[in-house]
C-alpha atoms as a PDB file:
ATOM      1  CA  MET A   1    -120.670  74.145 252.853  1.00  0.00           C
ATOM      2  CA  SER A   2    -123.605  71.419 251.719  1.00  0.00           C
ATOM      3  CA  ALA A   3    -126.399  72.553 249.502  1.00  0.00           C
ATOM      4  CA  PHE A   4    -128.532  71.822 251.945  1.00  0.00           C
ATOM      5  CA  GLU A   5    -126.610  74.203 254.098  1.00  0.00           C
ATOM      6  CA  ARG A   6    -126.999  76.870 251.513  1.00  0.00           C
ATOM      7  CA  ALA A   7    -130.554  76.584 251.230  1.00  0.00           C
ATOM      8  CA  PHE A   8    -131.476  76.577 255.581  1.00  0.00           C
ATOM      9  CA  ALA A   9    -129.145  79.779 255.277  1.00  0.00           C
ATOM     10  CA  ARG A  10    -131.359  81.529 252.888  1.00  0.00           C
ATOM     11  CA  THR A  11    -134.363  80.587 253.558  1.00  0.00           C
ATOM     12  CA  VAL A  12    -134.155  81.374 257.036  1.00  0.00           C
ATOM     13  CA  GLY A  13    -132.816  84.562 256.530  1.00  0.00           C
ATOM     14  CA  HIS A  14    -136.500  85.125 254.347  1.00  0.00           C
ATOM     15  CA  GLU A  15    -138.318  83.833 257.570  1.00  0.00           C
ATOM     16  CA  GLY A  16    -136.082  86.151 260.264  1.00  0.00           C
ATOM     17  CA  GLY A  17    -136.994  85.980 263.846  1.00  0.00           C
ATOM     18  CA  GLU A  18    -139.412  86.104 266.001  1.00  0.00           C
ATOM     19  CA  VAL A  19    -142.580  87.065 264.941  1.00  0.00           C
ATOM     20  CA  ASN A  20    -146.667  86.506 266.520  1.00  0.00           C
ATOM     21  CA  ASP A  21    -148.356  88.574 264.222  1.00  0.00           C
ATOM     22  CA  PRO A  22    -152.675  88.027 264.748  1.00  0.00           C
ATOM     23  CA  ARG A  23    -152.724  88.291 260.937  1.00  0.00           C
ATOM     24  CA  ASP A  24    -150.378  85.026 259.960  1.00  0.00           C
ATOM     25  CA  PRO A  25    -152.443  81.957 259.831  1.00  0.00           C
ATOM     26  CA  GLY A  26    -149.338  80.278 261.083  1.00  0.00           C
ATOM     27  CA  GLY A  27    -149.846  82.101 264.969  1.00  0.00           C
ATOM     28  CA  HIS A  28    -146.947  82.601 266.831  1.00  0.00           C
ATOM     29  CA  THR A  29    -143.464  81.664 264.423  1.00  0.00           C
ATOM     30  CA  LYS A  30    -139.597  81.695 264.839  1.00  0.00           C
ATOM     31  CA  PHE A  31    -136.942  81.190 261.960  1.00  0.00           C
ATOM     32  CA  GLY A  32    -140.215  80.116 259.914  1.00  0.00           C
ATOM     33  CA  ILE A  33    -141.449  77.406 262.257  1.00  0.00           C
ATOM     34  CA  SER A  34    -145.043  78.126 263.141  1.00  0.00           C
ATOM     35  CA  GLN A  35    -146.983  76.973 266.342  1.00  0.00           C
ATOM     36  CA  ARG A  36    -149.534  75.661 263.968  1.00  0.00           C
ATOM     37  CA  ALA A  37    -147.492  73.303 261.817  1.00  0.00           C
ATOM     38  CA  TYR A  38    -145.326  72.405 265.113  1.00  0.00           C
ATOM     39  CA  PRO A  39    -147.854  72.902 268.044  1.00  0.00           C
ATOM     40  CA  ALA A  40    -145.681  70.901 270.380  1.00  0.00           C
ATOM     41  CA  GLU A  41    -142.601  72.815 269.537  1.00  0.00           C
ATOM     42  CA  ASP A  42    -141.556  75.558 272.452  1.00  0.00           C
ATOM     43  CA  ILE A  43    -141.747  78.110 269.561  1.00  0.00           C
ATOM     44  CA  ALA A  44    -140.778  81.116 272.034  1.00  0.00           C
ATOM     45  CA  ASN A  45    -137.148  78.768 272.978  1.00  0.00           C
ATOM     46  CA  LEU A  46    -136.527  77.215 269.777  1.00  0.00           C
ATOM     47  CA  THR A  47    -133.052  77.356 269.236  1.00  0.00           C
ATOM     48  CA  LEU A  48    -131.374  77.706 265.392  1.00  0.00           C
ATOM     49  CA  GLU A  49    -130.333  74.484 265.533  1.00  0.00           C
ATOM     50  CA  ARG A  50    -133.491  72.809 266.069  1.00  0.00           C
ATOM     51  CA  ALA A  51    -134.953  75.244 263.675  1.00  0.00           C
ATOM     52  CA  ARG A  52    -132.066  73.538 260.945  1.00  0.00           C
ATOM     53  CA  LEU A  53    -132.764  69.533 261.915  1.00  0.00           C
ATOM     54  CA  LEU A  54    -136.790  70.488 261.769  1.00  0.00           C
ATOM     55  CA  TYR A  55    -136.148  72.032 258.275  1.00  0.00           C
ATOM     56  CA  ARG A  56    -133.979  68.999 256.938  1.00  0.00           C
ATOM     57  CA  ARG A  57    -136.504  66.358 258.148  1.00  0.00           C
ATOM     58  CA  ASP A  58    -139.925  68.304 256.943  1.00  0.00           C
ATOM     59  CA  TYR A  59    -139.016  69.984 254.099  1.00  0.00           C
ATOM     60  CA  TRP A  60    -135.296  69.183 252.548  1.00  0.00           C
ATOM     61  CA  ASN A  61    -135.837  65.868 252.308  1.00  0.00           C
ATOM     62  CA  ARG A  62    -139.207  65.895 251.590  1.00  0.00           C
ATOM     63  CA  VAL A  63    -138.742  67.566 248.124  1.00  0.00           C
ATOM     64  CA  ARG A  64    -135.898  65.464 247.833  1.00  0.00           C
ATOM     65  CA  GLY A  65    -133.186  67.612 247.937  1.00  0.00           C
ATOM     66  CA  ASP A  66    -130.487  65.988 247.855  1.00  0.00           C
ATOM     67  CA  TYR A  67    -131.504  64.393 244.644  1.00  0.00           C
ATOM     68  CA  LEU A  68    -131.990  67.626 242.757  1.00  0.00           C
ATOM     69  CA  PRO A  69    -129.880  70.280 240.897  1.00  0.00           C
ATOM     70  CA  GLU A  70    -129.138  72.948 243.483  1.00  0.00           C
ATOM     71  CA  ALA A  71    -130.843  75.644 241.953  1.00  0.00           C
ATOM     72  CA  VAL A  72    -134.389  73.457 241.833  1.00  0.00           C
ATOM     73  CA  ALA A  73    -133.326  72.433 245.366  1.00  0.00           C
ATOM     74  CA  MET A  74    -133.214  75.599 246.874  1.00  0.00           C
ATOM     75  CA  GLU A  75    -136.615  76.534 245.053  1.00  0.00           C
ATOM     76  CA  ALA A  76    -138.153  73.904 245.799  1.00  0.00           C
ATOM     77  CA  PHE A  77    -137.246  73.760 249.544  1.00  0.00           C
ATOM     78  CA  ASP A  78    -138.023  77.781 250.233  1.00  0.00           C
ATOM     79  CA  ALA A  79    -141.512  77.332 249.084  1.00  0.00           C
ATOM     80  CA  ALA A  80    -142.181  74.248 250.475  1.00  0.00           C
ATOM     81  CA  VAL A  81    -141.153  75.941 253.855  1.00  0.00           C
ATOM     82  CA  ASN A  82    -143.527  79.224 253.390  1.00  0.00           C
ATOM     83  CA  HIS A  83    -146.552  77.489 251.835  1.00  0.00           C
ATOM     84  CA  GLY A  84    -146.336  73.607 252.548  1.00  0.00           C
ATOM     85  CA  VAL A  85    -144.844  70.809 251.075  1.00  0.00           C
ATOM     86  CA  MET A  86    -147.147  69.831 248.787  1.00  0.00           C
ATOM     87  CA  PRO A  87    -147.722  73.207 247.156  1.00  0.00           C
ATOM     88  CA  ALA A  88    -144.529  73.705 246.788  1.00  0.00           C
ATOM     89  CA  VAL A  89    -143.226  69.938 244.986  1.00  0.00           C
ATOM     90  CA  ARG A  90    -146.972  71.143 242.121  1.00  0.00           C
ATOM     91  CA  MET A  91    -145.268  74.219 241.928  1.00  0.00           C
ATOM     92  CA  MET A  92    -141.839  72.521 240.810  1.00  0.00           C
ATOM     93  CA  GLN A  93    -143.591  69.920 238.625  1.00  0.00           C
ATOM     94  CA  ARG A  94    -145.260  73.020 236.612  1.00  0.00           C
ATOM     95  CA  ALA A  95    -142.556  74.711 236.618  1.00  0.00           C
ATOM     96  CA  LEU A  96    -140.797  71.464 235.139  1.00  0.00           C
ATOM     97  CA  GLY A  97    -143.557  70.713 232.704  1.00  0.00           C
ATOM     98  CA  VAL A  98    -144.023  67.425 234.125  1.00  0.00           C
ATOM     99  CA  ASP A  99    -147.354  66.313 235.460  1.00  0.00           C
ATOM    100  CA  ASP A 100    -148.134  68.194 239.102  1.00  0.00           C
ATOM    101  CA  ASP A 101    -149.253  64.797 240.847  1.00  0.00           C
ATOM    102  CA  GLY A 102    -147.095  65.713 243.924  1.00  0.00           C
ATOM    103  CA  ILE A 103    -144.855  62.927 243.579  1.00  0.00           C
ATOM    104  CA  ILE A 104    -141.641  63.249 242.688  1.00  0.00           C
ATOM    105  CA  GLY A 105    -140.704  60.376 241.344  1.00  0.00           C
ATOM    106  CA  PRO A 106    -138.394  59.085 238.355  1.00  0.00           C
ATOM    107  CA  ILE A 107    -139.928  61.449 236.023  1.00  0.00           C
ATOM    108  CA  THR A 108    -139.961  64.706 238.157  1.00  0.00           C
ATOM    109  CA  LEU A 109    -136.443  64.313 238.985  1.00  0.00           C
ATOM    110  CA  GLN A 110    -135.210  63.593 235.531  1.00  0.00           C
ATOM    111  CA  ALA A 111    -137.368  66.923 234.066  1.00  0.00           C
ATOM    112  CA  ALA A 112    -135.070  68.472 236.837  1.00  0.00           C
ATOM    113  CA  GLN A 113    -131.558  67.490 235.776  1.00  0.00           C
ATOM    114  CA  ASP A 114    -132.953  68.501 232.261  1.00  0.00           C
ATOM    115  CA  ILE A 115    -133.946  71.742 232.690  1.00  0.00           C
ATOM    116  CA  GLU A 116    -131.836  74.842 232.372  1.00  0.00           C
ATOM    117  CA  PRO A 117    -131.581  76.261 236.137  1.00  0.00           C
ATOM    118  CA  ALA A 118    -132.034  79.772 234.945  1.00  0.00           C
ATOM    119  CA  VAL A 119    -135.779  78.299 233.332  1.00  0.00           C
ATOM    120  CA  PHE A 120    -136.539  76.809 235.942  1.00  0.00           C
ATOM    121  CA  VAL A 121    -136.213  79.628 238.356  1.00  0.00           C
ATOM    122  CA  ALA A 122    -137.854  81.579 236.337  1.00  0.00           C
ATOM    123  CA  ARG A 123    -140.599  79.555 235.949  1.00  0.00           C
ATOM    124  CA  PHE A 124    -141.136  77.982 239.369  1.00  0.00           C
ATOM    125  CA  ASN A 125    -141.249  81.729 240.515  1.00  0.00           C
ATOM    126  CA  GLY A 126    -143.949  82.529 238.156  1.00  0.00           C
ATOM    127  CA  TRP A 127    -146.095  80.068 239.663  1.00  0.00           C
ATOM    128  CA  ARG A 128    -145.121  81.317 242.950  1.00  0.00           C
ATOM    129  CA  LEU A 129    -146.187  84.665 242.519  1.00  0.00           C
ATOM    130  CA  PHE A 130    -149.309  82.972 240.965  1.00  0.00           C
ATOM    131  CA  TYR A 131    -149.930  80.826 244.449  1.00  0.00           C
ATOM    132  CA  TYR A 132    -148.932  84.338 246.593  1.00  0.00           C
ATOM    133  CA  THR A 133    -151.793  86.528 244.993  1.00  0.00           C
ATOM    134  CA  SER A 134    -154.198  84.123 245.581  1.00  0.00           C
ATOM    135  CA  LEU A 135    -154.184  84.310 249.427  1.00  0.00           C
ATOM    136  CA  LYS A 136    -156.921  86.082 251.448  1.00  0.00           C
ATOM    137  CA  THR A 137    -153.506  87.313 253.543  1.00  0.00           C
ATOM    138  CA  TRP A 138    -151.584  88.847 250.283  1.00  0.00           C
ATOM    139  CA  PRO A 139    -152.419  92.313 251.170  1.00  0.00           C
ATOM    140  CA  HIS A 140    -150.976  92.540 254.091  1.00  0.00           C
ATOM    141  CA  PHE A 141    -148.201  90.269 253.487  1.00  0.00           C
ATOM    142  CA  GLY A 142    -147.591  90.231 249.883  1.00  0.00           C
ATOM    143  CA  LYS A 143    -145.088  93.334 249.638  1.00  0.00           C
ATOM    144  CA  GLY A 144    -142.708  90.751 251.914  1.00  0.00           C
ATOM    145  CA  TRP A 145    -143.220  87.826 249.764  1.00  0.00           C
ATOM    146  CA  ALA A 146    -142.963  89.559 246.454  1.00  0.00           C
ATOM    147  CA  ARG A 147    -139.204  90.557 248.163  1.00  0.00           C
ATOM    148  CA  ARG A 148    -138.590  87.230 248.901  1.00  0.00           C
ATOM    149  CA  VAL A 149    -139.068  86.142 245.679  1.00  0.00           C
ATOM    150  CA  ALA A 150    -137.360  89.011 243.862  1.00  0.00           C
ATOM    151  CA  GLN A 151    -134.447  87.683 245.859  1.00  0.00           C
ATOM    152  CA  ASN A 152    -134.352  84.237 244.709  1.00  0.00           C
ATOM    153  CA  LEU A 153    -134.575  85.753 241.118  1.00  0.00           C
ATOM    154  CA  LEU A 154    -131.338  87.761 241.715  1.00  0.00           C
ATOM    155  CA  GLU A 155    -129.331  85.358 243.306  1.00  0.00           C
ATOM    156  CA  VAL A 156    -130.081  83.102 239.895  1.00  0.00           C
ATOM    157  CA  LYS A 157    -126.521  81.919 238.523  1.00  0.00           C
END
């Protein structure tokens, strides 16, 4: 199983199935694919295979998952799906201790190679919790988001 497939399985597991919670700014969502982000998609009939294609194209590739150590790629990918690519990239860069310019260039890629995976995961999830708690939807969704972070932390090798 490839790094992408492992990351996809974990993230889609966090995202779950079909939800249409009026408190969710993404609106109607299935497998983490929201109507707001994908207005042309038929969310009700979205297949897992279509979600996998969208995840690879719009999240994994944009965080340069194939060029990152797996621990870094998995965290950045999961956050990109949940928060958007730019916030995820900036959190990744902060955790790596480089300028958080939102561009995954040679400096970011080298820092990702140089960092101890467990250190990165701890720092990244710290930034992620700061981000979550700044959201107005924290009171409603915070418990689930905190559990997502906890599950990611428990998987550190």
